[in-house]
């Protein structure tokens, strides 16, 4: 399969994502961020679809969705960082605390 060039998000798309998430609390934004990361960003269903012989247009559509969700989570991560929240540092601190409680 040839190289797929993914488009960048338009400024209006970025602004819409920021606007629709701006009112969320830090906790809600963090929860949304990790929910999207774990369900829509980590791992590629498109690669699995390609390996399974799915139609090329379906694979392309999935790749575009995965790219969009990757950009979306990057924006959420940036919003969290502007609020002084480092999602991965806070996640690791919580995971360590949970381990120590057991």
Protein backbone atom coordinates (compact mmCIF):
# COMPACT_ATOMS: atom_id res chain seq x y z
CA UNK A 1 0.00 0.00 0.00
CA UNK A 2 1.31 3.49 -0.84
CA UNK A 3 2.13 6.12 1.73
CA UNK A 4 -0.93 7.91 3.03
CA UNK A 5 -0.56 11.62 3.65
CA UNK A 6 -2.69 12.81 6.53
CA UNK A 7 -3.96 16.35 6.48
CA UNK A 8 -3.47 18.72 9.36
CA UNK A 9 -6.48 19.89 11.31
CA UNK A 10 -7.82 23.26 10.28
CA UNK A 11 -7.65 26.10 12.81
CA UNK A 12 -11.47 26.03 12.99
CA UNK A 13 -11.39 22.34 13.92
CA UNK A 14 -8.80 22.96 16.63
CA UNK A 15 -10.81 25.88 18.01
CA UNK A 16 -13.99 23.78 18.02
CA UNK A 17 -12.26 21.00 19.99
CA UNK A 18 -10.89 23.52 22.50
CA UNK A 19 -14.27 25.24 22.85
CA UNK A 20 -16.23 22.01 23.36
CA UNK A 21 -13.83 20.88 26.11
CA UNK A 22 -12.98 24.21 27.79
CA UNK A 23 -15.77 23.99 30.38
CA UNK A 24 -14.70 20.55 31.61
CA UNK A 25 -13.07 20.34 35.02
CA UNK A 26 -9.45 19.16 35.15
CA UNK A 27 -10.64 15.76 36.36
CA UNK A 28 -13.26 15.42 33.61
CA UNK A 29 -10.78 16.56 30.95
CA UNK A 30 -8.19 14.09 32.24
CA UNK A 31 -10.76 11.27 32.23
CA UNK A 32 -11.83 12.13 28.68
CA UNK A 33 -8.19 12.29 27.56
CA UNK A 34 -7.35 8.83 28.92
CA UNK A 35 -10.61 7.33 27.69
CA UNK A 36 -9.83 8.49 24.15
CA UNK A 37 -6.18 7.46 24.37
CA UNK A 38 -7.01 3.93 25.48
CA UNK A 39 -10.02 3.36 23.23
CA UNK A 40 -9.19 5.30 20.07
CA UNK A 41 -5.46 6.01 19.90
CA UNK A 42 -3.37 3.14 21.25
CA UNK A 43 -2.98 0.37 18.72
CA UNK A 44 -4.13 0.55 15.15
CA UNK A 45 -7.28 -1.17 14.01
CA UNK A 46 -6.43 -0.01 10.49
CA UNK A 47 -3.33 -2.21 10.46
CA UNK A 48 -5.38 -5.18 11.64
CA UNK A 49 -7.99 -4.43 8.99
CA UNK A 50 -5.31 -4.24 6.30
CA UNK A 51 -3.77 -7.53 7.44
CA UNK A 52 -7.22 -9.14 7.36
CA UNK A 53 -7.76 -8.02 3.75
CA UNK A 54 -10.41 -5.35 4.28
CA UNK A 55 -11.35 -3.04 1.44
CA UNK A 56 -8.70 -0.33 0.95
CA UNK A 57 -11.25 2.49 1.25
CA UNK A 58 -12.38 1.16 4.65
CA UNK A 59 -8.77 0.95 5.84
CA UNK A 60 -8.11 4.51 4.62
CA UNK A 61 -11.21 5.78 6.42
CA UNK A 62 -10.07 4.09 9.65
CA UNK A 63 -6.55 5.55 9.30
CA UNK A 64 -8.05 9.03 8.89
CA UNK A 65 -10.19 8.53 12.00
CA UNK A 66 -7.18 7.31 14.00
CA UNK A 67 -5.16 10.32 12.84
CA UNK A 68 -7.98 12.69 13.82
CA UNK A 69 -8.26 11.10 17.27
CA UNK A 70 -4.49 11.32 17.73
CA UNK A 71 -4.66 15.06 16.96
CA UNK A 72 -7.71 15.43 19.23
CA UNK A 73 -5.90 13.86 22.19
CA UNK A 74 -2.82 16.02 21.51
CA UNK A 75 -5.06 19.09 21.83
CA UNK A 76 -6.58 17.80 25.08
CA UNK A 77 -3.09 17.09 26.42
CA UNK A 78 -2.07 20.66 25.55
CA UNK A 79 -5.15 22.02 27.33
CA UNK A 80 -4.27 20.00 30.43
CA UNK A 81 -0.68 21.21 30.36
CA UNK A 82 -1.84 24.83 30.11
CA UNK A 83 -3.84 24.16 33.30
CA UNK A 84 -0.70 22.86 34.98
CA UNK A 85 -1.72 19.20 34.72
CA UNK A 86 0.75 16.70 33.28
CA UNK A 87 -1.53 13.77 32.43
CA UNK A 88 1.18 11.11 32.27
CA UNK A 89 3.01 12.27 35.39
CA UNK A 90 -0.25 12.43 37.35
CA UNK A 91 -1.31 9.05 35.94
CA UNK A 92 1.98 7.44 36.97
CA UNK A 93 1.77 8.99 40.45
CA UNK A 94 -1.76 7.61 40.88
CA UNK A 95 -0.73 4.19 39.55
CA UNK A 96 2.18 4.09 42.00
CA UNK A 97 -0.08 5.12 44.89
CA UNK A 98 -2.61 2.42 43.94
CA UNK A 99 0.18 -0.20 43.88
CA UNK A 100 1.46 0.86 47.29
CA UNK A 101 -2.02 0.60 48.82
CA UNK A 102 -2.28 -3.12 47.95
